């Protein structure tokens, strides 16, 4: 009976290890679009944008516009990588609305016409 419990414990440990490895791998792959910044850090920096990313009529906070503008300037592909990440999905981000934030912020040098998933940046 003890060997069954030990075997179950090993299986649980293995599953947890594989899940954490997959999360780390996703993090590493997505970080390529954001330079050396992990995607979770890039996503967290955009937290002032949460309300605007869920409601097209919501006023975009100045802090959001500053963060988005900086991200577009330093790593333009990063914004799309963040919006397409599992983190954005977990946060309830609506990609179709979130993709309009650079335009709503009047960012002049935004990647107009660029595809982000099935959406085109306006």
N, C-alpha and C. Protein backbone atom coordinates (compact mmCIF):
# COMPACT_ATOMS: atom_id res chain seq x y z
N UNK A 1 0.82 -1.19 0.00
CA UNK A 1 0.00 0.00 0.00
C UNK A 1 0.87 1.25 0.00
N UNK A 2 2.00 1.18 0.73
CA UNK A 2 2.90 2.33 0.79
C UNK A 2 3.51 2.62 -0.57
N UNK A 3 3.79 1.58 -1.35
CA UNK A 3 4.38 1.80 -2.66
C UNK A 3 3.37 2.44 -3.62
N UNK A 4 2.08 2.14 -3.45
CA UNK A 4 1.04 2.77 -4.25
C UNK A 4 0.98 4.26 -3.96
N UNK A 5 1.04 4.63 -2.69
CA UNK A 5 1.02 6.04 -2.27
C UNK A 5 2.25 6.75 -2.79
N UNK A 6 3.41 6.09 -2.71
CA UNK A 6 4.66 6.68 -3.19
C UNK A 6 4.59 6.87 -4.71
N UNK A 7 4.02 5.91 -5.41
CA UNK A 7 3.87 6.00 -6.87
C UNK A 7 2.95 7.14 -7.26
N UNK A 8 1.86 7.30 -6.51
CA UNK A 8 0.92 8.38 -6.76
C UNK A 8 1.59 9.73 -6.50
N UNK A 9 2.36 9.78 -5.42
CA UNK A 9 3.08 11.02 -5.07
C UNK A 9 4.07 11.39 -6.17
N UNK A 10 4.77 10.40 -6.71
CA UNK A 10 5.73 10.64 -7.79
C UNK A 10 5.01 11.14 -9.04
N UNK A 11 3.85 10.58 -9.32
CA UNK A 11 3.08 10.98 -10.49
C UNK A 11 2.62 12.44 -10.35
N UNK A 12 2.13 12.79 -9.17
CA UNK A 12 1.70 14.16 -8.91
C UNK A 12 2.88 15.12 -9.08
N UNK A 13 4.02 14.75 -8.54
CA UNK A 13 5.22 15.58 -8.65
C UNK A 13 5.61 15.75 -10.12
N UNK A 14 5.55 14.67 -10.87
CA UNK A 14 5.89 14.72 -12.29
C UNK A 14 4.93 15.63 -13.06
N UNK A 15 3.65 15.52 -12.79
CA UNK A 15 2.65 16.35 -13.46
C UNK A 15 2.88 17.82 -13.13
N UNK A 16 3.13 18.12 -11.85
CA UNK A 16 3.40 19.51 -11.46
C UNK A 16 4.66 20.03 -12.13
N UNK A 17 5.68 19.20 -12.22
CA UNK A 17 6.92 19.61 -12.88
C UNK A 17 6.67 19.90 -14.36
N UNK A 18 5.92 19.02 -15.02
CA UNK A 18 5.63 19.23 -16.44
C UNK A 18 4.82 20.50 -16.67
N UNK A 19 3.83 20.75 -15.81
CA UNK A 19 3.03 21.97 -15.94
C UNK A 19 3.88 23.21 -15.75
N UNK A 20 4.74 23.21 -14.76
CA UNK A 20 5.59 24.38 -14.54
C UNK A 20 6.60 24.54 -15.67
N UNK A 21 7.08 23.43 -16.21
CA UNK A 21 8.00 23.50 -17.35
C UNK A 21 7.32 24.09 -18.57
N UNK A 22 6.06 23.68 -18.80
CA UNK A 22 5.32 24.21 -19.95
C UNK A 22 5.10 25.71 -19.78
N UNK A 23 4.78 26.14 -18.58
CA UNK A 23 4.58 27.56 -18.32
C UNK A 23 5.87 28.33 -18.56
N UNK A 24 6.98 27.78 -18.11
CA UNK A 24 8.27 28.43 -18.33
C UNK A 24 8.61 28.48 -19.81
N UNK A 25 8.30 27.43 -20.52
CA UNK A 25 8.57 27.40 -21.96
C UNK A 25 7.73 28.43 -22.68
N UNK A 26 6.45 28.54 -22.34
CA UNK A 26 5.60 29.56 -22.95
C UNK A 26 6.15 30.94 -22.66
N UNK A 27 6.61 31.13 -21.44
CA UNK A 27 7.18 32.41 -21.02
C UNK A 27 8.41 32.72 -21.87
N UNK A 28 9.28 31.75 -22.05
CA UNK A 28 10.52 31.97 -22.80
C UNK A 28 10.23 32.26 -24.27
N UNK A 29 9.29 31.54 -24.85
CA UNK A 29 8.96 31.75 -26.26
C UNK A 29 8.37 33.14 -26.46
N UNK A 30 7.41 33.51 -25.63
CA UNK A 30 6.77 34.82 -25.76
C UNK A 30 7.73 35.95 -25.45
N UNK A 31 8.71 35.72 -24.57
CA UNK A 31 9.64 36.77 -24.20
C UNK A 31 10.46 37.22 -25.40
N UNK A 32 10.61 36.39 -26.42
CA UNK A 32 11.35 36.77 -27.61
C UNK A 32 10.77 38.00 -28.28
N UNK A 33 9.46 38.12 -28.31
CA UNK A 33 8.81 39.28 -28.91
C UNK A 33 9.00 40.53 -28.05
N UNK A 34 9.27 40.34 -26.78
CA UNK A 34 9.40 41.46 -25.84
C UNK A 34 10.85 41.68 -25.43
N UNK A 35 11.76 41.21 -26.25
CA UNK A 35 13.17 41.36 -25.92
C UNK A 35 13.52 40.47 -24.74
N UNK A 36 14.24 41.03 -23.79
CA UNK A 36 14.64 40.26 -22.61
C UNK A 36 13.58 40.34 -21.51
N UNK A 37 12.54 41.09 -21.74
CA UNK A 37 11.47 41.23 -20.75
C UNK A 37 10.54 40.04 -20.83
N UNK A 38 10.31 39.34 -19.72
CA UNK A 38 9.35 38.23 -19.74
C UNK A 38 7.95 38.75 -20.08
N UNK A 39 7.18 37.95 -20.78
CA UNK A 39 5.84 38.38 -21.20
C UNK A 39 4.97 38.73 -20.01
N UNK A 40 5.16 38.04 -18.89
CA UNK A 40 4.34 38.35 -17.70
C UNK A 40 4.66 39.76 -17.18
N UNK A 41 5.90 40.17 -17.27
CA UNK A 41 6.30 41.51 -16.84
C UNK A 41 5.73 42.56 -17.79
N UNK A 42 5.81 42.28 -19.10
CA UNK A 42 5.25 43.21 -20.09
C UNK A 42 3.74 43.33 -19.89
N UNK A 43 3.09 42.21 -19.64
CA UNK A 43 1.64 42.22 -19.42
C UNK A 43 1.29 43.01 -18.15
N UNK A 44 2.05 42.81 -17.09
CA UNK A 44 1.79 43.52 -15.83
C UNK A 44 1.97 45.02 -16.01
N UNK A 45 2.91 45.42 -16.85
CA UNK A 45 3.13 46.85 -17.06
C UNK A 45 1.93 47.51 -17.74
N UNK A 46 1.12 46.70 -18.41
CA UNK A 46 -0.06 47.23 -19.09
C UNK A 46 -1.33 47.17 -18.24
N UNK A 47 -1.18 46.91 -16.95
CA UNK A 47 -2.35 46.81 -16.07
C UNK A 47 -3.20 48.08 -16.04
N UNK A 48 -2.64 49.30 -16.26
CA UNK A 48 -3.51 50.47 -16.31
C UNK A 48 -4.50 50.44 -17.48
N UNK A 49 -4.29 49.51 -18.41
CA UNK A 49 -5.13 49.43 -19.61
C UNK A 49 -6.31 48.48 -19.45
N UNK A 50 -6.42 47.78 -18.33
CA UNK A 50 -7.45 46.74 -18.19
C UNK A 50 -8.86 47.22 -18.47
N UNK A 51 -9.25 48.36 -17.92
CA UNK A 51 -10.63 48.83 -18.13
C UNK A 51 -10.86 49.19 -19.59
N UNK A 52 -9.88 49.80 -20.23
CA UNK A 52 -10.01 50.19 -21.64
C UNK A 52 -9.97 48.98 -22.57
N UNK A 53 -9.35 47.90 -22.12
CA UNK A 53 -9.25 46.70 -22.95
C UNK A 53 -10.54 45.88 -22.94
N UNK A 54 -11.45 46.23 -22.05
CA UNK A 54 -12.70 45.49 -21.97
C UNK A 54 -13.92 46.29 -22.40
N UNK A 55 -13.72 47.59 -22.65
CA UNK A 55 -14.84 48.45 -23.01
C UNK A 55 -14.36 49.50 -24.00
N UNK A 56 -14.82 49.43 -25.22
CA UNK A 56 -14.37 50.34 -26.27
C UNK A 56 -14.76 51.80 -25.98
N UNK A 57 -15.76 51.99 -25.14
CA UNK A 57 -16.20 53.35 -24.81
C UNK A 57 -15.50 53.91 -23.57
N UNK A 58 -14.74 53.09 -22.88
CA UNK A 58 -14.04 53.54 -21.68
C UNK A 58 -12.90 54.49 -22.08
N UNK A 59 -12.70 55.52 -21.27
CA UNK A 59 -11.60 56.44 -21.50
C UNK A 59 -10.30 55.69 -21.19
N UNK A 60 -9.33 55.83 -22.08
CA UNK A 60 -8.05 55.17 -21.87
C UNK A 60 -7.23 56.03 -20.92
N UNK A 61 -6.81 55.48 -19.78
CA UNK A 61 -6.03 56.26 -18.82
C UNK A 61 -4.69 56.71 -19.42
N UNK A 62 -4.23 57.91 -19.06
CA UNK A 62 -2.93 58.39 -19.56
C UNK A 62 -1.79 57.43 -19.25
N UNK A 63 -1.83 56.77 -18.09
CA UNK A 63 -0.76 55.81 -17.74
C UNK A 63 -0.74 54.65 -18.73
N UNK A 64 -1.91 54.24 -19.19
CA UNK A 64 -2.00 53.17 -20.19
C UNK A 64 -1.38 53.64 -21.50
N UNK A 65 -1.73 54.83 -21.94
CA UNK A 65 -1.20 55.36 -23.20
C UNK A 65 0.32 55.48 -23.14
N UNK A 66 0.84 55.89 -22.01
CA UNK A 66 2.29 56.01 -21.85
C UNK A 66 2.95 54.64 -21.97
N UNK A 67 2.40 53.65 -21.30
CA UNK A 67 2.96 52.29 -21.33
C UNK A 67 2.87 51.68 -22.73
N UNK A 68 1.72 51.84 -23.38
CA UNK A 68 1.53 51.29 -24.73
C UNK A 68 2.47 51.98 -25.71
N UNK A 69 2.57 53.30 -25.61
CA UNK A 69 3.46 54.05 -26.50
C UNK A 69 4.90 53.62 -26.33
N UNK A 70 5.35 53.42 -25.09
CA UNK A 70 6.72 52.98 -24.83
C UNK A 70 6.95 51.58 -25.38
N UNK A 71 5.96 50.72 -25.22
CA UNK A 71 6.09 49.34 -25.70
C UNK A 71 6.15 49.30 -27.23
N UNK A 72 5.35 50.10 -27.88
CA UNK A 72 5.37 50.15 -29.35
C UNK A 72 6.71 50.68 -29.85
N UNK A 73 7.28 51.64 -29.13
CA UNK A 73 8.56 52.23 -29.52
C UNK A 73 9.71 51.24 -29.33
N UNK A 74 9.72 50.55 -28.20
CA UNK A 74 10.86 49.67 -27.89
C UNK A 74 10.73 48.26 -28.46
N UNK A 75 9.53 47.72 -28.48
CA UNK A 75 9.31 46.34 -28.95
C UNK A 75 7.91 46.23 -29.54
N UNK A 76 7.72 46.72 -30.78
CA UNK A 76 6.37 46.77 -31.35
C UNK A 76 5.64 45.43 -31.43
N UNK A 77 6.35 44.33 -31.58
CA UNK A 77 5.70 43.02 -31.66
C UNK A 77 5.25 42.53 -30.28
N UNK A 78 5.78 43.15 -29.24
CA UNK A 78 5.49 42.72 -27.87
C UNK A 78 4.02 42.93 -27.52
N UNK A 79 3.45 44.05 -27.94
CA UNK A 79 2.05 44.33 -27.61
C UNK A 79 1.14 43.22 -28.12
N UNK A 80 1.34 42.82 -29.33
CA UNK A 80 0.54 41.74 -29.91
C UNK A 80 0.80 40.43 -29.16
N UNK A 81 2.07 40.17 -28.84
CA UNK A 81 2.39 38.94 -28.10
C UNK A 81 1.69 38.92 -26.74
N UNK A 82 1.65 40.06 -26.07
CA UNK A 82 0.96 40.15 -24.78
C UNK A 82 -0.53 39.90 -24.97
N UNK A 83 -1.12 40.56 -25.97
CA UNK A 83 -2.57 40.43 -26.19
C UNK A 83 -2.98 39.02 -26.61
N UNK A 84 -2.08 38.30 -27.25
CA UNK A 84 -2.38 36.93 -27.68
C UNK A 84 -1.96 35.88 -26.65
N UNK A 85 -1.37 36.32 -25.55
CA UNK A 85 -0.86 35.39 -24.54
C UNK A 85 -2.00 34.80 -23.71
N UNK A 86 -1.75 33.66 -23.10
CA UNK A 86 -2.73 33.07 -22.20
C UNK A 86 -3.05 34.00 -21.02
N UNK A 87 -2.09 34.83 -20.63
CA UNK A 87 -2.33 35.77 -19.53
C UNK A 87 -3.45 36.73 -19.86
N UNK A 88 -3.46 37.25 -21.09
CA UNK A 88 -4.51 38.18 -21.50
C UNK A 88 -5.87 37.49 -21.50
N UNK A 89 -5.89 36.27 -21.98
CA UNK A 89 -7.14 35.50 -21.99
C UNK A 89 -7.64 35.29 -20.56
N UNK A 90 -6.72 34.93 -19.65
CA UNK A 90 -7.09 34.72 -18.25
C UNK A 90 -7.61 36.01 -17.61
N UNK A 91 -7.07 37.15 -18.04
CA UNK A 91 -7.49 38.44 -17.47
C UNK A 91 -8.80 38.93 -18.08
N UNK A 92 -9.32 38.20 -19.08
CA UNK A 92 -10.58 38.59 -19.70
C UNK A 92 -10.44 39.71 -20.71
N UNK A 93 -9.24 39.87 -21.27
CA UNK A 93 -9.00 40.91 -22.26
C UNK A 93 -9.72 40.56 -23.56
N UNK A 94 -10.43 41.52 -24.11
CA UNK A 94 -11.09 41.35 -25.40
C UNK A 94 -10.13 41.89 -26.46
N UNK A 95 -9.53 41.00 -27.22
CA UNK A 95 -8.51 41.39 -28.20
C UNK A 95 -9.04 42.42 -29.19
N UNK A 96 -10.26 42.24 -29.65
CA UNK A 96 -10.84 43.18 -30.61
C UNK A 96 -10.95 44.60 -30.07
N UNK A 97 -11.14 44.73 -28.77
CA UNK A 97 -11.20 46.06 -28.13
C UNK A 97 -9.79 46.52 -27.76
N UNK A 98 -8.99 45.63 -27.19
CA UNK A 98 -7.64 46.00 -26.74
C UNK A 98 -6.77 46.49 -27.90
N UNK A 99 -6.96 45.93 -29.06
CA UNK A 99 -6.14 46.30 -30.22
C UNK A 99 -6.41 47.74 -30.67
N UNK A 100 -7.52 48.32 -30.20
CA UNK A 100 -7.84 49.71 -30.56
C UNK A 100 -7.19 50.74 -29.63
N UNK A 101 -6.57 50.29 -28.56
CA UNK A 101 -6.00 51.22 -27.58
C UNK A 101 -4.96 52.16 -28.18
N UNK A 102 -4.01 51.70 -28.99
CA UNK A 102 -3.04 52.66 -29.55
C UNK A 102 -3.72 53.79 -30.34
N UNK A 103 -4.76 53.47 -31.09
CA UNK A 103 -5.48 54.50 -31.84
C UNK A 103 -6.23 55.42 -30.89
N UNK A 104 -6.86 54.83 -29.88
CA UNK A 104 -7.60 55.63 -28.90
C UNK A 104 -6.68 56.54 -28.09
N UNK A 105 -5.40 56.16 -28.01
CA UNK A 105 -4.40 56.99 -27.31
C UNK A 105 -3.79 58.03 -28.27
N UNK A 106 -4.21 58.00 -29.53
CA UNK A 106 -3.64 58.90 -30.55
C UNK A 106 -2.13 58.73 -30.70
N UNK A 107 -1.66 57.48 -30.62
CA UNK A 107 -0.25 57.19 -30.83
C UNK A 107 0.00 57.25 -32.34
N UNK A 108 0.81 58.19 -32.74
CA UNK A 108 1.04 58.44 -34.18
C UNK A 108 1.82 57.31 -34.85
N UNK A 109 2.82 56.77 -34.19
CA UNK A 109 3.68 55.76 -34.80
C UNK A 109 3.26 54.35 -34.41
N UNK A 110 1.98 54.09 -34.45
CA UNK A 110 1.49 52.74 -34.15
C UNK A 110 1.57 51.89 -35.42
N UNK A 111 1.64 50.59 -35.26
CA UNK A 111 1.76 49.70 -36.43
C UNK A 111 0.42 49.50 -37.14
N UNK A 112 -0.06 50.54 -37.83
CA UNK A 112 -1.36 50.49 -38.52
C UNK A 112 -1.34 49.39 -39.58
N UNK A 113 -2.42 48.63 -39.63
CA UNK A 113 -2.56 47.58 -40.64
C UNK A 113 -1.87 46.27 -40.28
N UNK A 114 -1.15 46.23 -39.17
CA UNK A 114 -0.47 45.02 -38.74
C UNK A 114 -1.49 44.03 -38.21
N UNK A 115 -1.29 42.78 -38.53
CA UNK A 115 -2.18 41.72 -38.03
C UNK A 115 -1.75 41.32 -36.62
N UNK A 116 -2.73 41.13 -35.78
CA UNK A 116 -2.50 40.62 -34.43
C UNK A 116 -3.55 39.54 -34.25
N UNK A 117 -3.17 38.31 -34.44
CA UNK A 117 -4.14 37.24 -34.45
C UNK A 117 -5.04 37.40 -35.67
N UNK A 118 -6.33 37.37 -35.46
CA UNK A 118 -7.28 37.54 -36.56
C UNK A 118 -7.70 38.99 -36.74
N UNK A 119 -7.10 39.89 -35.95
CA UNK A 119 -7.47 41.31 -35.99
C UNK A 119 -6.39 42.13 -36.69
N UNK A 120 -6.80 43.21 -37.31
CA UNK A 120 -5.88 44.16 -37.93
C UNK A 120 -5.87 45.42 -37.08
N UNK A 121 -4.67 45.90 -36.76
CA UNK A 121 -4.53 47.10 -35.95
C UNK A 121 -5.09 48.29 -36.74
N UNK A 122 -6.05 49.03 -36.14
CA UNK A 122 -6.64 50.17 -36.85
C UNK A 122 -5.69 51.36 -36.93
